[in-house]
Amino acid sequence: MGYELRDRLVVGIASSALFDLTESDAFFRAHGEEAYRRYQDERIDDPLRPGVAYPFIKRLLSLNDLSADADDGLVEVIVVSRNDPNTGLRVMRSIEHHDLPMTRAVFTQGRSPHRYIGALGMSLFLSGNRDDVIAASREGFPAGHVLPSAATYDDSDSSVVVAFDFDGVLADDASERIFREEGIERYRAYEASRKSEPLEPGPLKPLLSDLNRIQQIEEQRRLEDPSYEPRLRIALVTARGAPAHERAIRSLQSWDVYVNEAFFLGGVEKKRVLEVLRPLIFFDDQTTHLDEAVESIAGVHIPYGVANPETGPDDVPAGQ
């Protein structure tokens, strides 16, 4: 019987999100594919520098020490890359250099790798290539575009703090549509009248379920060992305020998921909370909220729902 991915948190990550490929991509654009292949081969033992999502992935993988079986971890991270197998060797060597416990990879030689998200049971796909993320989102996959960020994190900190927006991320965009089409007052009345009616789950609700499953294992560890301090914490950071907050809470209860902290900001800049909270990663469906915050945290745009009308495709970078 093959290695089973079911009942694990499976994350697919492009090399563009895991590592800093600025120099590699610039070389590809300037010199083309054949020269790029030689460039990577000549530098195969020159490790790539950590990218925006690297701290999140590293600490997420550290939670595998909660498993009684070292070969049967709770978290599986798979490289899903536009590189071909040859140029992908530098990516895999870099993973080994940084001592990341990642052994599985998909290299598609320039083709969008998003088709393999479902086949490999991923509850999250992260990429620095916006086009790949949009293509995945169109097909209903849980995908996020990792934005450039200047954020740095303390390597001595073992906590894994993950933050989510609500509408268009954990929930669908039904309420957001009311707000955009009918205005704030109608939206507030609409939400108050439906406070006990749960929204439909959005694209990252399965990810929250998987994270909660790890939290349950941590809680059991804490009960067995009172000195153990759980590392994984989840926060909700949303522009919702009263009375719309109650529907968000009731929806989470209905889906049998939970968060440790919730910030109902009612339009206050999310950046103010995020700078204090310092999540390793923050998921939001609106880039306006992320643009304000990426100097201090790693931000991921979820291109889902009414907040994200399609735009023209970007040029496709090489080493994704």
C-alpha atoms as a PDB file:
ATOM      1  CA  MET A   1       0.000   0.000   0.000  1.00  0.00           C
ATOM      2  CA  GLY A   2       1.310   3.458  -0.937  1.00  0.00           C
ATOM      3  CA  TYR A   3       2.059   6.380   1.357  1.00  0.00           C
ATOM      4  CA  GLU A   4      -1.290   7.758   2.519  1.00  0.00           C
ATOM      5  CA  LEU A   5      -1.890  11.514   2.449  1.00  0.00           C
ATOM      6  CA  ARG A   6      -5.354  11.325   3.941  1.00  0.00           C
ATOM      7  CA  ASP A   7      -5.723  12.717   7.495  1.00  0.00           C
ATOM      8  CA  ARG A   8      -2.666  14.938   7.115  1.00  0.00           C
ATOM      9  CA  LEU A   9      -2.357  18.644   6.507  1.00  0.00           C
ATOM     10  CA  VAL A  10      -0.978  18.717   2.957  1.00  0.00           C
ATOM     11  CA  VAL A  11       0.457  21.973   1.624  1.00  0.00           C
ATOM     12  CA  GLY A  12       1.688  22.433  -1.923  1.00  0.00           C
ATOM     13  CA  ILE A  13       4.242  25.188  -2.371  1.00  0.00           C
ATOM     14  CA  ALA A  14       5.912  26.630  -5.437  1.00  0.00           C
ATOM     15  CA  SER A  15       9.609  27.322  -5.228  1.00  0.00           C
ATOM     16  CA  SER A  16       8.745  30.994  -5.864  1.00  0.00           C
ATOM     17  CA  ALA A  17       7.033  31.126  -2.462  1.00  0.00           C
ATOM     18  CA  LEU A  18       9.514  28.978  -0.544  1.00  0.00           C
ATOM     19  CA  PHE A  19      12.710  30.608  -1.820  1.00  0.00           C
ATOM     20  CA  ASP A  20      13.886  33.977  -3.091  1.00  0.00           C
ATOM     21  CA  LEU A  21      14.119  33.488  -6.862  1.00  0.00           C
ATOM     22  CA  THR A  22      14.665  37.136  -7.777  1.00  0.00           C
ATOM     23  CA  GLU A  23      18.095  36.562  -9.329  1.00  0.00           C
ATOM     24  CA  SER A  24      17.117  33.306 -11.030  1.00  0.00           C
ATOM     25  CA  ASP A  25      14.024  34.809 -12.597  1.00  0.00           C
ATOM     26  CA  ALA A  26      15.930  37.876 -13.830  1.00  0.00           C
ATOM     27  CA  PHE A  27      18.481  35.578 -15.487  1.00  0.00           C
ATOM     28  CA  PHE A  28      15.743  33.521 -17.161  1.00  0.00           C
ATOM     29  CA  ARG A  29      14.076  36.622 -18.574  1.00  0.00           C
ATOM     30  CA  ALA A  30      17.359  38.009 -19.860  1.00  0.00           C
ATOM     31  CA  HIS A  31      18.899  34.836 -21.311  1.00  0.00           C
ATOM     32  CA  GLY A  32      16.175  32.238 -21.997  1.00  0.00           C
ATOM     33  CA  GLU A  33      15.504  28.648 -21.049  1.00  0.00           C
ATOM     34  CA  GLU A  34      18.678  26.877 -22.167  1.00  0.00           C
ATOM     35  CA  ALA A  35      20.986  29.381 -20.498  1.00  0.00           C
ATOM     36  CA  TYR A  36      18.768  29.272 -17.414  1.00  0.00           C
ATOM     37  CA  ARG A  37      19.191  25.510 -17.219  1.00  0.00           C
ATOM     38  CA  ARG A  38      22.995  25.872 -17.327  1.00  0.00           C
ATOM     39  CA  TYR A  39      22.827  28.705 -14.799  1.00  0.00           C
ATOM     40  CA  GLN A  40      20.992  26.539 -12.269  1.00  0.00           C
ATOM     41  CA  ASP A  41      23.190  23.510 -12.878  1.00  0.00           C
ATOM     42  CA  GLU A  42      26.352  25.556 -12.301  1.00  0.00           C
ATOM     43  CA  ARG A  43      24.881  26.786  -9.009  1.00  0.00           C
ATOM     44  CA  ILE A  44      23.352  23.521  -7.873  1.00  0.00           C
ATOM     45  CA  ASP A  45      25.268  23.605  -4.576  1.00  0.00           C
ATOM     46  CA  ASP A  46      24.626  27.319  -4.021  1.00  0.00           C
ATOM     47  CA  PRO A  47      21.592  27.290  -1.695  1.00  0.00           C
ATOM     48  CA  LEU A  48      18.683  29.539  -2.526  1.00  0.00           C
ATOM     49  CA  ARG A  49      17.825  32.095   0.133  1.00  0.00           C
ATOM     50  CA  PRO A  50      14.599  31.718   2.126  1.00  0.00           C
ATOM     51  CA  GLY A  51      11.538  33.322   0.556  1.00  0.00           C
ATOM     52  CA  VAL A  52       8.415  34.918   2.005  1.00  0.00           C
ATOM     53  CA  ALA A  53       6.638  31.683   2.972  1.00  0.00           C
ATOM     54  CA  TYR A  54       9.767  29.957   4.283  1.00  0.00           C
ATOM     55  CA  PRO A  55       9.247  30.816   7.998  1.00  0.00           C
ATOM     56  CA  PHE A  56       5.645  29.563   7.870  1.00  0.00           C
ATOM     57  CA  ILE A  57       6.612  26.304   6.175  1.00  0.00           C
ATOM     58  CA  LYS A  58       9.580  25.680   8.477  1.00  0.00           C
ATOM     59  CA  ARG A  59       7.570  26.124  11.668  1.00  0.00           C
ATOM     60  CA  LEU A  60       4.559  24.270  10.300  1.00  0.00           C
ATOM     61  CA  LEU A  61       6.775  21.263   9.577  1.00  0.00           C
ATOM     62  CA  SER A  62       8.186  21.477  13.106  1.00  0.00           C
ATOM     63  CA  LEU A  63       4.763  20.374  14.373  1.00  0.00           C
ATOM     64  CA  ASN A  64       5.529  16.895  13.076  1.00  0.00           C
ATOM     65  CA  ASP A  65       7.305  16.269  16.372  1.00  0.00           C
ATOM     66  CA  LEU A  66       3.817  15.812  17.820  1.00  0.00           C
ATOM     67  CA  SER A  67       3.533  12.518  15.962  1.00  0.00           C
ATOM     68  CA  ALA A  68       4.539   9.362  17.793  1.00  0.00           C
ATOM     69  CA  ASP A  69       5.960   7.981  14.547  1.00  0.00           C
ATOM     70  CA  ALA A  70       8.726  10.073  12.983  1.00  0.00           C
ATOM     71  CA  ASP A  71       7.866   8.626   9.568  1.00  0.00           C
ATOM     72  CA  ASP A  72       4.168   9.390   9.915  1.00  0.00           C
ATOM     73  CA  GLY A  73       3.975  13.156  10.325  1.00  0.00           C
ATOM     74  CA  LEU A  74       0.914  15.362  10.704  1.00  0.00           C
ATOM     75  CA  VAL A  75       2.106  17.844   8.057  1.00  0.00           C
ATOM     76  CA  GLU A  76       3.217  17.089   4.507  1.00  0.00           C
ATOM     77  CA  VAL A  77       4.678  19.854   2.330  1.00  0.00           C
ATOM     78  CA  ILE A  78       5.161  19.117  -1.370  1.00  0.00           C
ATOM     79  CA  VAL A  79       7.070  21.279  -3.845  1.00  0.00           C
ATOM     80  CA  VAL A  80       4.819  21.949  -6.841  1.00  0.00           C
ATOM     81  CA  SER A  81       6.952  23.759  -9.390  1.00  0.00           C
ATOM     82  CA  ARG A  82       7.082  25.004 -12.986  1.00  0.00           C
ATOM     83  CA  ASN A  83      10.756  24.036 -13.074  1.00  0.00           C
ATOM     84  CA  ASP A  84      11.757  21.019 -15.105  1.00  0.00           C
ATOM     85  CA  PRO A  85      13.325  18.105 -13.213  1.00  0.00           C
ATOM     86  CA  ASN A  86      16.855  19.279 -14.052  1.00  0.00           C
ATOM     87  CA  THR A  87      16.512  22.883 -12.869  1.00  0.00           C
ATOM     88  CA  GLY A  88      14.461  21.582  -9.946  1.00  0.00           C
ATOM     89  CA  LEU A  89      17.556  19.872  -8.579  1.00  0.00           C
ATOM     90  CA  ARG A  90      18.786  23.169  -7.131  1.00  0.00           C
ATOM     91  CA  VAL A  91      15.465  23.608  -5.351  1.00  0.00           C
ATOM     92  CA  MET A  92      15.732  20.160  -3.794  1.00  0.00           C
ATOM     93  CA  ARG A  93      19.370  20.710  -2.825  1.00  0.00           C
ATOM     94  CA  SER A  94      18.339  23.984  -1.175  1.00  0.00           C
ATOM     95  CA  ILE A  95      15.604  22.200   0.767  1.00  0.00           C
ATOM     96  CA  GLU A  96      18.211  19.717   1.995  1.00  0.00           C
ATOM     97  CA  HIS A  97      20.650  22.520   2.874  1.00  0.00           C
ATOM     98  CA  HIS A  98      18.017  24.290   4.992  1.00  0.00           C
ATOM     99  CA  ASP A  99      17.182  20.985   6.707  1.00  0.00           C
ATOM    100  CA  LEU A 100      13.523  21.070   5.748  1.00  0.00           C
ATOM    101  CA  PRO A 101      11.870  17.635   6.040  1.00  0.00           C
ATOM    102  CA  MET A 102      10.391  17.717   2.532  1.00  0.00           C
ATOM    103  CA  THR A 103      10.925  14.755   0.216  1.00  0.00           C
ATOM    104  CA  ARG A 104       8.155  15.003  -2.374  1.00  0.00           C
ATOM    105  CA  ALA A 105       8.061  17.240  -5.442  1.00  0.00           C
ATOM    106  CA  VAL A 106       6.221  17.822  -8.711  1.00  0.00           C
ATOM    107  CA  PHE A 107       8.090  19.509 -11.602  1.00  0.00           C
ATOM    108  CA  THR A 108       6.030  20.379 -14.691  1.00  0.00           C
ATOM    109  CA  GLN A 109       8.504  22.124 -17.080  1.00  0.00           C
ATOM    110  CA  GLY A 110       6.638  25.378 -17.535  1.00  0.00           C
ATOM    111  CA  ARG A 111       3.077  24.100 -17.238  1.00  0.00           C
ATOM    112  CA  SER A 112       0.804  25.280 -14.477  1.00  0.00           C
ATOM    113  CA  PRO A 113       1.088  22.728 -11.661  1.00  0.00           C
ATOM    114  CA  HIS A 114      -2.300  23.504 -10.108  1.00  0.00           C
ATOM    115  CA  ARG A 115      -3.963  20.442 -11.680  1.00  0.00           C
ATOM    116  CA  TYR A 116      -2.238  18.250  -9.099  1.00  0.00           C
ATOM    117  CA  ILE A 117      -3.672  20.039  -6.052  1.00  0.00           C
ATOM    118  CA  GLY A 118      -6.725  17.781  -5.892  1.00  0.00           C
ATOM    119  CA  ALA A 119      -4.837  14.608  -6.791  1.00  0.00           C
ATOM    120  CA  LEU A 120      -2.491  15.117  -3.844  1.00  0.00           C
ATOM    121  CA  GLY A 121      -5.205  16.153  -1.376  1.00  0.00           C
ATOM    122  CA  MET A 122      -3.828  19.615  -0.675  1.00  0.00           C
ATOM    123  CA  SER A 123      -5.759  21.962   1.589  1.00  0.00           C
ATOM    124  CA  LEU A 124      -3.471  24.834   0.544  1.00  0.00           C
ATOM    125  CA  PHE A 125      -1.419  25.751  -2.523  1.00  0.00           C
ATOM    126  CA  LEU A 126       0.981  28.690  -2.216  1.00  0.00           C
ATOM    127  CA  SER A 127       2.776  30.352  -5.104  1.00  0.00           C
ATOM    128  CA  GLY A 128       4.436  33.597  -6.054  1.00  0.00           C
ATOM    129  CA  ASN A 129       2.947  33.198  -9.537  1.00  0.00           C
ATOM    130  CA  ARG A 130      -0.384  35.028  -9.594  1.00  0.00           C
ATOM    131  CA  ASP A 131      -1.558  33.334 -12.796  1.00  0.00           C
ATOM    132  CA  ASP A 132      -1.133  29.844 -11.332  1.00  0.00           C
ATOM    133  CA  VAL A 133      -3.048  30.859  -8.218  1.00  0.00           C
ATOM    134  CA  ILE A 134      -5.908  32.378 -10.238  1.00  0.00           C
ATOM    135  CA  ALA A 135      -6.083  29.260 -12.425  1.00  0.00           C
ATOM    136  CA  ALA A 136      -6.270  27.083  -9.320  1.00  0.00           C
ATOM    137  CA  SER A 137      -8.914  29.282  -7.701  1.00  0.00           C
ATOM    138  CA  ARG A 138     -11.067  29.177 -10.860  1.00  0.00           C
ATOM    139  CA  GLU A 139     -11.215  25.409 -10.509  1.00  0.00           C
ATOM    140  CA  GLY A 140     -12.207  25.567  -6.863  1.00  0.00           C
ATOM    141  CA  PHE A 141      -8.833  24.755  -5.325  1.00  0.00           C
ATOM    142  CA  PRO A 142      -7.612  26.443  -2.105  1.00  0.00           C
ATOM    143  CA  ALA A 143      -4.855  28.644  -3.512  1.00  0.00           C
ATOM    144  CA  GLY A 144      -3.043  31.756  -2.332  1.00  0.00           C
ATOM    145  CA  HIS A 145      -0.715  34.252  -3.996  1.00  0.00           C
ATOM    146  CA  VAL A 146       2.258  34.957  -1.726  1.00  0.00           C
ATOM    147  CA  LEU A 147       3.005  38.675  -1.981  1.00  0.00           C
ATOM    148  CA  PRO A 148       6.461  40.218  -1.742  1.00  0.00           C
ATOM    149  CA  SER A 149       7.185  41.092   1.872  1.00  0.00           C
ATOM    150  CA  ALA A 150       9.920  42.650   3.959  1.00  0.00           C
ATOM    151  CA  ALA A 151       8.820  40.774   7.090  1.00  0.00           C
ATOM    152  CA  THR A 152      11.385  39.002   9.245  1.00  0.00           C
ATOM    153  CA  TYR A 153      10.754  36.528  12.049  1.00  0.00           C
ATOM    154  CA  ASP A 154      12.724  35.469  15.111  1.00  0.00           C
ATOM    155  CA  ASP A 155      14.207  32.016  14.510  1.00  0.00           C
ATOM    156  CA  SER A 156      14.208  31.307  18.251  1.00  0.00           C
ATOM    157  CA  ASP A 157      10.402  31.621  18.376  1.00  0.00           C
ATOM    158  CA  SER A 158       8.682  28.250  17.929  1.00  0.00           C
ATOM    159  CA  SER A 159       5.097  29.538  17.809  1.00  0.00           C
ATOM    160  CA  VAL A 160       2.997  28.982  14.684  1.00  0.00           C
ATOM    161  CA  VAL A 161       0.509  31.839  14.442  1.00  0.00           C
ATOM    162  CA  VAL A 162      -1.827  31.734  11.428  1.00  0.00           C
ATOM    163  CA  ALA A 163      -4.345  34.504  10.705  1.00  0.00           C
ATOM    164  CA  PHE A 164      -7.389  34.471   8.438  1.00  0.00           C
ATOM    165  CA  ASP A 165      -9.795  37.047   7.093  1.00  0.00           C
ATOM    166  CA  PHE A 166     -13.374  35.772   7.135  1.00  0.00           C
ATOM    167  CA  ASP A 167     -15.478  36.676   4.077  1.00  0.00           C
ATOM    168  CA  GLY A 168     -13.995  35.323   0.866  1.00  0.00           C
ATOM    169  CA  VAL A 169     -11.429  33.274   2.796  1.00  0.00           C
ATOM    170  CA  LEU A 170     -12.998  31.066   5.474  1.00  0.00           C
ATOM    171  CA  ALA A 171     -16.543  31.857   4.294  1.00  0.00           C
ATOM    172  CA  ASP A 172     -17.963  32.369   0.824  1.00  0.00           C
ATOM    173  CA  ASP A 173     -18.594  35.847  -0.586  1.00  0.00           C
ATOM    174  CA  ALA A 174     -22.397  36.026  -0.157  1.00  0.00           C
ATOM    175  CA  SER A 175     -22.246  38.753   2.500  1.00  0.00           C
ATOM    176  CA  GLU A 176     -19.550  40.670   0.659  1.00  0.00           C
ATOM    177  CA  ARG A 177     -21.847  40.803  -2.367  1.00  0.00           C
ATOM    178  CA  ILE A 178     -24.594  42.424  -0.302  1.00  0.00           C
ATOM    179  CA  PHE A 179     -22.135  45.000   1.020  1.00  0.00           C
ATOM    180  CA  ARG A 180     -20.834  45.884  -2.443  1.00  0.00           C
ATOM    181  CA  GLU A 181     -24.187  45.902  -4.196  1.00  0.00           C
ATOM    182  CA  GLU A 182     -26.435  47.457  -1.531  1.00  0.00           C
ATOM    183  CA  GLY A 183     -24.173  49.403   0.826  1.00  0.00           C
ATOM    184  CA  ILE A 184     -23.118  49.280   4.445  1.00  0.00           C
ATOM    185  CA  GLU A 185     -26.494  49.919   6.118  1.00  0.00           C
ATOM    186  CA  ARG A 186     -28.263  47.230   4.109  1.00  0.00           C
ATOM    187  CA  TYR A 187     -25.360  44.887   4.816  1.00  0.00           C
ATOM    188  CA  ARG A 188     -25.616  45.418   8.578  1.00  0.00           C
ATOM    189  CA  ALA A 189     -29.368  44.820   8.563  1.00  0.00           C
ATOM    190  CA  TYR A 190     -28.942  41.752   6.353  1.00  0.00           C
ATOM    191  CA  GLU A 191     -26.330  40.212   8.649  1.00  0.00           C
ATOM    192  CA  ALA A 192     -28.283  40.999  11.833  1.00  0.00           C
ATOM    193  CA  SER A 193     -31.399  39.333  10.431  1.00  0.00           C
ATOM    194  CA  ARG A 194     -29.381  36.214   9.558  1.00  0.00           C
ATOM    195  CA  LYS A 195     -27.093  36.032  12.578  1.00  0.00           C
ATOM    196  CA  SER A 196     -28.036  32.416  13.275  1.00  0.00           C
ATOM    197  CA  GLU A 197     -27.840  31.365   9.609  1.00  0.00           C
ATOM    198  CA  PRO A 198     -24.348  30.045   8.817  1.00  0.00           C
ATOM    199  CA  LEU A 199     -22.635  31.097   5.631  1.00  0.00           C
ATOM    200  CA  GLU A 200     -21.310  28.529   3.194  1.00  0.00           C
ATOM    201  CA  PRO A 201     -17.670  27.602   3.748  1.00  0.00           C
ATOM    202  CA  GLY A 202     -15.069  29.429   1.668  1.00  0.00           C
ATOM    203  CA  PRO A 203     -11.859  28.173   0.041  1.00  0.00           C
ATOM    204  CA  LEU A 204      -9.700  27.928   3.193  1.00  0.00           C
ATOM    205  CA  LYS A 205     -12.195  26.389   5.584  1.00  0.00           C
ATOM    206  CA  PRO A 206     -10.628  22.909   4.961  1.00  0.00           C
ATOM    207  CA  LEU A 207      -7.236  24.342   5.913  1.00  0.00           C
ATOM    208  CA  LEU A 208      -8.682  25.602   9.200  1.00  0.00           C
ATOM    209  CA  SER A 209     -10.146  22.139   9.846  1.00  0.00           C
ATOM    210  CA  ASP A 210      -6.729  20.547   9.314  1.00  0.00           C
ATOM    211  CA  LEU A 211      -5.057  23.067  11.619  1.00  0.00           C
ATOM    212  CA  ASN A 212      -7.695  22.436  14.278  1.00  0.00           C
ATOM    213  CA  ARG A 213      -6.928  18.714  14.115  1.00  0.00           C
ATOM    214  CA  ILE A 214      -3.297  19.464  14.987  1.00  0.00           C
ATOM    215  CA  GLN A 215      -4.458  21.765  17.788  1.00  0.00           C
ATOM    216  CA  GLN A 216      -6.488  18.912  19.261  1.00  0.00           C
ATOM    217  CA  ILE A 217      -3.331  16.808  19.409  1.00  0.00           C
ATOM    218  CA  GLU A 218      -1.515  19.675  21.113  1.00  0.00           C
ATOM    219  CA  GLU A 219      -4.314  20.006  23.641  1.00  0.00           C
ATOM    220  CA  GLN A 220      -4.071  16.304  24.436  1.00  0.00           C
ATOM    221  CA  ARG A 221      -0.327  16.745  24.922  1.00  0.00           C
ATOM    222  CA  ARG A 222      -0.993  19.652  27.300  1.00  0.00           C
ATOM    223  CA  LEU A 223      -3.439  17.564  29.331  1.00  0.00           C
ATOM    224  CA  GLU A 224      -0.845  14.817  29.674  1.00  0.00           C
ATOM    225  CA  ASP A 225       1.959  17.266  30.394  1.00  0.00           C
ATOM    226  CA  PRO A 226       0.852  20.559  32.026  1.00  0.00           C
ATOM    227  CA  SER A 227       4.256  22.105  31.265  1.00  0.00           C
ATOM    228  CA  TYR A 228       3.645  21.781  27.522  1.00  0.00           C
ATOM    229  CA  GLU A 229       2.670  25.066  25.862  1.00  0.00           C
ATOM    230  CA  PRO A 230       0.768  24.688  22.558  1.00  0.00           C
ATOM    231  CA  ARG A 231       2.570  26.324  19.653  1.00  0.00           C
ATOM    232  CA  LEU A 232      -0.176  26.565  17.038  1.00  0.00           C
ATOM    233  CA  ARG A 233      -2.575  29.493  17.417  1.00  0.00           C
ATOM    234  CA  ILE A 234      -5.182  30.696  14.952  1.00  0.00           C
ATOM    235  CA  ALA A 235      -6.600  34.188  14.683  1.00  0.00           C
ATOM    236  CA  LEU A 236      -9.539  35.683  12.826  1.00  0.00           C
ATOM    237  CA  VAL A 237      -8.863  39.257  11.653  1.00  0.00           C
ATOM    238  CA  THR A 238     -11.897  40.696   9.900  1.00  0.00           C
ATOM    239  CA  ALA A 239     -13.407  44.040   8.950  1.00  0.00           C
ATOM    240  CA  ARG A 240     -16.717  42.795  10.352  1.00  0.00           C
ATOM    241  CA  GLY A 241     -18.009  44.551  13.447  1.00  0.00           C
ATOM    242  CA  ALA A 242     -21.204  44.342  15.480  1.00  0.00           C
ATOM    243  CA  PRO A 243     -23.844  43.235  14.613  1.00  0.00           C
ATOM    244  CA  ALA A 244     -22.204  41.299  11.754  1.00  0.00           C
ATOM    245  CA  HIS A 245     -19.732  39.602  14.108  1.00  0.00           C
ATOM    246  CA  GLU A 246     -22.269  37.108  15.401  1.00  0.00           C
ATOM    247  CA  ARG A 247     -22.891  35.487  12.040  1.00  0.00           C
ATOM    248  CA  ALA A 248     -19.170  34.850  11.661  1.00  0.00           C
ATOM    249  CA  ILE A 249     -18.997  33.149  15.061  1.00  0.00           C
ATOM    250  CA  ARG A 250     -22.130  31.095  14.391  1.00  0.00           C
ATOM    251  CA  SER A 251     -20.746  30.018  11.018  1.00  0.00           C
ATOM    252  CA  LEU A 252     -17.529  28.741  12.587  1.00  0.00           C
ATOM    253  CA  GLN A 253     -19.565  26.829  15.162  1.00  0.00           C
ATOM    254  CA  SER A 254     -21.725  25.328  12.422  1.00  0.00           C
ATOM    255  CA  TRP A 255     -18.677  24.142  10.500  1.00  0.00           C
ATOM    256  CA  ASP A 256     -17.207  22.615  13.688  1.00  0.00           C
ATOM    257  CA  VAL A 257     -14.052  24.719  13.521  1.00  0.00           C
ATOM    258  CA  TYR A 258     -12.647  27.278  15.926  1.00  0.00           C
ATOM    259  CA  VAL A 259     -10.099  30.064  16.322  1.00  0.00           C
ATOM    260  CA  ASN A 260      -8.126  31.116  19.405  1.00  0.00           C
ATOM    261  CA  GLU A 261      -8.467  34.844  18.867  1.00  0.00           C
ATOM    262  CA  ALA A 262     -10.877  37.034  16.922  1.00  0.00           C
ATOM    263  CA  PHE A 263     -10.564  40.685  15.957  1.00  0.00           C
ATOM    264  CA  PHE A 264     -13.773  42.303  14.702  1.00  0.00           C
ATOM    265  CA  LEU A 265     -12.356  45.611  13.545  1.00  0.00           C
ATOM    266  CA  GLY A 266     -15.363  47.280  11.925  1.00  0.00           C
ATOM    267  CA  GLY A 267     -13.234  48.984   9.292  1.00  0.00           C
ATOM    268  CA  VAL A 268     -10.199  49.808  11.456  1.00  0.00           C
ATOM    269  CA  GLU A 269      -6.948  49.107   9.594  1.00  0.00           C
ATOM    270  CA  LYS A 270      -6.007  45.451   9.983  1.00  0.00           C
ATOM    271  CA  LYS A 271      -2.358  46.454   9.902  1.00  0.00           C
ATOM    272  CA  ARG A 272      -2.637  47.809  13.460  1.00  0.00           C
ATOM    273  CA  VAL A 273      -3.553  44.404  14.858  1.00  0.00           C
ATOM    274  CA  LEU A 274      -1.299  42.395  12.560  1.00  0.00           C
ATOM    275  CA  GLU A 275       1.791  44.348  13.617  1.00  0.00           C
ATOM    276  CA  VAL A 276       1.148  43.241  17.191  1.00  0.00           C
ATOM    277  CA  LEU A 277      -0.130  39.733  16.465  1.00  0.00           C
ATOM    278  CA  ARG A 278       2.757  38.981  14.060  1.00  0.00           C
ATOM    279  CA  PRO A 279       1.281  35.937  12.324  1.00  0.00           C
ATOM    280  CA  LEU A 280       3.636  33.856  10.223  1.00  0.00           C
ATOM    281  CA  ILE A 281       1.063  34.158   7.469  1.00  0.00           C
ATOM    282  CA  PHE A 282      -2.150  36.124   6.927  1.00  0.00           C
ATOM    283  CA  PHE A 283      -4.780  35.205   4.327  1.00  0.00           C
ATOM    284  CA  ASP A 284      -7.060  37.907   2.917  1.00  0.00           C
ATOM    285  CA  ASP A 285      -9.164  38.177  -0.242  1.00  0.00           C
ATOM    286  CA  GLN A 286      -8.462  41.897  -0.676  1.00  0.00           C
ATOM    287  CA  THR A 287      -5.010  43.162  -1.583  1.00  0.00           C
ATOM    288  CA  THR A 288      -5.761  46.579  -0.077  1.00  0.00           C
ATOM    289  CA  HIS A 289      -5.595  45.039   3.393  1.00  0.00           C
ATOM    290  CA  LEU A 290      -2.442  43.103   2.545  1.00  0.00           C
ATOM    291  CA  ASP A 291      -0.586  45.989   0.916  1.00  0.00           C
ATOM    292  CA  GLU A 292      -0.789  47.863   4.210  1.00  0.00           C
ATOM    293  CA  ALA A 293       0.627  44.969   6.222  1.00  0.00           C
ATOM    294  CA  VAL A 294       3.345  43.190   4.200  1.00  0.00           C
ATOM    295  CA  GLU A 295       6.120  45.326   5.662  1.00  0.00           C
ATOM    296  CA  SER A 296       5.593  43.519   8.949  1.00  0.00           C
ATOM    297  CA  ILE A 297       3.959  40.167   8.119  1.00  0.00           C
ATOM    298  CA  ALA A 298       3.835  37.620   5.299  1.00  0.00           C
ATOM    299  CA  GLY A 299       0.624  38.236   3.353  1.00  0.00           C
ATOM    300  CA  VAL A 300      -1.237  35.868   1.034  1.00  0.00           C
ATOM    301  CA  HIS A 301      -3.940  37.022  -1.354  1.00  0.00           C
ATOM    302  CA  ILE A 302      -6.863  34.635  -1.907  1.00  0.00           C
ATOM    303  CA  PRO A 303      -8.281  35.573  -5.351  1.00  0.00           C
ATOM    304  CA  TYR A 304     -11.817  34.435  -4.647  1.00  0.00           C
ATOM    305  CA  GLY A 305     -15.286  35.888  -4.996  1.00  0.00           C
ATOM    306  CA  VAL A 306     -16.757  39.259  -5.805  1.00  0.00           C
ATOM    307  CA  ALA A 307     -13.776  41.173  -4.412  1.00  0.00           C
ATOM    308  CA  ASN A 308     -11.592  39.748  -7.177  1.00  0.00           C
ATOM    309  CA  PRO A 309     -12.813  40.491 -10.710  1.00  0.00           C
ATOM    310  CA  GLU A 310     -10.417  38.925 -13.164  1.00  0.00           C
ATOM    311  CA  THR A 311      -7.511  40.959 -14.459  1.00  0.00           C
ATOM    312  CA  GLY A 312      -5.181  40.339 -17.385  1.00  0.00           C
ATOM    313  CA  PRO A 313      -2.484  37.669 -16.991  1.00  0.00           C
ATOM    314  CA  ASP A 314       0.987  38.573 -15.824  1.00  0.00           C
ATOM    315  CA  ASP A 315       4.153  37.399 -17.523  1.00  0.00           C
ATOM    316  CA  VAL A 316       4.966  33.980 -16.150  1.00  0.00           C
ATOM    317  CA  PRO A 317       8.254  33.858 -14.197  1.00  0.00           C
ATOM    318  CA  ALA A 318      10.590  30.954 -14.784  1.00  0.00           C
ATOM    319  CA  GLY A 319      11.456  29.216 -11.526  1.00  0.00           C
ATOM    320  CA  GLN A 320       8.072  28.733  -9.910  1.00  0.00           C
END
